[in-house]
Amino acid sequence: MVIEQILEDRLEQYGDAEVNFATIGRIWGALLHMDDIAPHEVALMMDAFKTVRCFANPHKQDSWDDKFGYTTLGRDAVH
């Protein structure tokens, strides 16, 4: 599956990633008693989460696809 299709599928399932990352950043920041976490930082932390999953089960393609997607969305969030 190419990254464009992955991102399109996730957009249809969950809505706009940057809006979601901003919302997650506000929630994480509040829970940690700190300022909001920037959308690109959320993407990097989600990428780290998927990295752990890839180590645990390197044969699960969905984790690799999501990891690729988070990296792409994080890059796009700062450009």
Protein backbone atom coordinates (compact mmCIF):
# COMPACT_ATOMS: atom_id res chain seq x y z
CA MET A 1 0.00 0.00 0.00
CA VAL A 2 1.43 3.40 -0.93
CA ILE A 3 1.55 6.21 1.60
CA GLU A 4 -1.03 8.31 -0.24
CA GLN A 5 -3.59 5.50 0.00
CA ILE A 6 -2.76 4.88 3.66
CA LEU A 7 -3.23 8.54 4.51
CA GLU A 8 -6.44 8.76 2.49
CA ASP A 9 -7.84 5.70 4.27
CA ARG A 10 -6.95 7.14 7.69
CA LEU A 11 -8.46 10.52 6.73
CA GLU A 12 -11.73 8.79 5.85
CA GLN A 13 -11.68 6.76 9.08
CA TYR A 14 -10.51 9.38 11.59
CA GLY A 15 -10.68 12.83 10.02
CA ASP A 16 -7.96 15.43 9.49
CA ALA A 17 -4.67 14.30 11.06
CA GLU A 18 -3.36 17.76 11.90
CA VAL A 19 -6.60 18.65 13.70
CA ASN A 20 -6.44 15.34 15.58
CA PHE A 21 -2.76 15.85 16.46
CA ALA A 22 -3.53 19.34 17.81
CA THR A 23 -6.36 17.90 19.92
CA ILE A 24 -4.15 15.08 21.20
CA GLY A 25 -1.42 17.61 21.97
CA ARG A 26 -3.83 19.71 24.05
CA ILE A 27 -5.03 16.64 25.95
CA TRP A 28 -1.53 15.24 26.54
CA GLY A 29 -0.28 18.67 27.61
CA ALA A 30 -3.14 19.05 30.08
CA LEU A 31 -2.61 15.57 31.49
CA LEU A 32 1.10 16.27 31.92
CA HIS A 33 0.45 19.77 33.38
CA MET A 34 2.41 21.44 30.61
CA ASP A 35 1.81 23.48 27.47
CA ASP A 36 0.21 21.88 24.46
CA ILE A 37 2.38 19.41 22.57
CA ALA A 38 2.84 20.51 18.95
CA PRO A 39 1.24 18.42 16.20
CA HIS A 40 4.61 17.37 14.76
CA GLU A 41 5.71 16.26 18.24
CA VAL A 42 2.55 14.18 18.59
CA ALA A 43 3.35 12.57 15.23
CA LEU A 44 6.88 11.75 16.43
CA MET A 45 5.59 10.25 19.67
CA MET A 46 3.03 8.16 17.79
CA ASP A 47 5.85 7.04 15.48
CA ALA A 48 7.81 5.96 18.56
CA PHE A 49 4.77 4.01 19.77
CA LYS A 50 4.54 2.22 16.41
CA THR A 51 8.30 1.54 16.53
CA VAL A 52 7.79 -0.39 19.77
CA ARG A 53 4.98 -2.34 18.13
CA CYS A 54 7.20 -3.14 15.12
CA PHE A 55 9.87 -4.50 17.45
CA ALA A 56 7.26 -6.64 19.22
CA ASN A 57 5.76 -7.96 15.98
CA PRO A 58 7.83 -7.07 12.90
CA HIS A 59 5.48 -9.05 10.64
CA LYS A 60 2.39 -6.89 11.24
CA GLN A 61 2.17 -4.71 8.14
CA ASP A 62 -0.39 -2.30 9.64
CA SER A 63 2.12 -1.10 12.26
CA TRP A 64 4.70 -0.40 9.54
CA ASP A 65 2.08 1.43 7.46
CA ASP A 66 1.03 3.56 10.43
CA LYS A 67 4.66 4.32 11.29
CA PHE A 68 5.25 5.50 7.72
CA GLY A 69 2.09 7.60 7.91
CA TYR A 70 3.03 9.27 11.20
CA THR A 71 6.46 10.17 9.85
CA THR A 72 4.93 11.68 6.72
CA LEU A 73 2.28 13.62 8.64
CA GLY A 74 4.85 14.90 11.15
CA ARG A 75 7.06 16.16 8.32
CA ASP A 76 4.07 17.82 6.66
CA ALA A 77 2.99 19.49 9.92
CA VAL A 78 6.16 21.60 10.02
CA HIS A 79 6.16 22.57 6.32
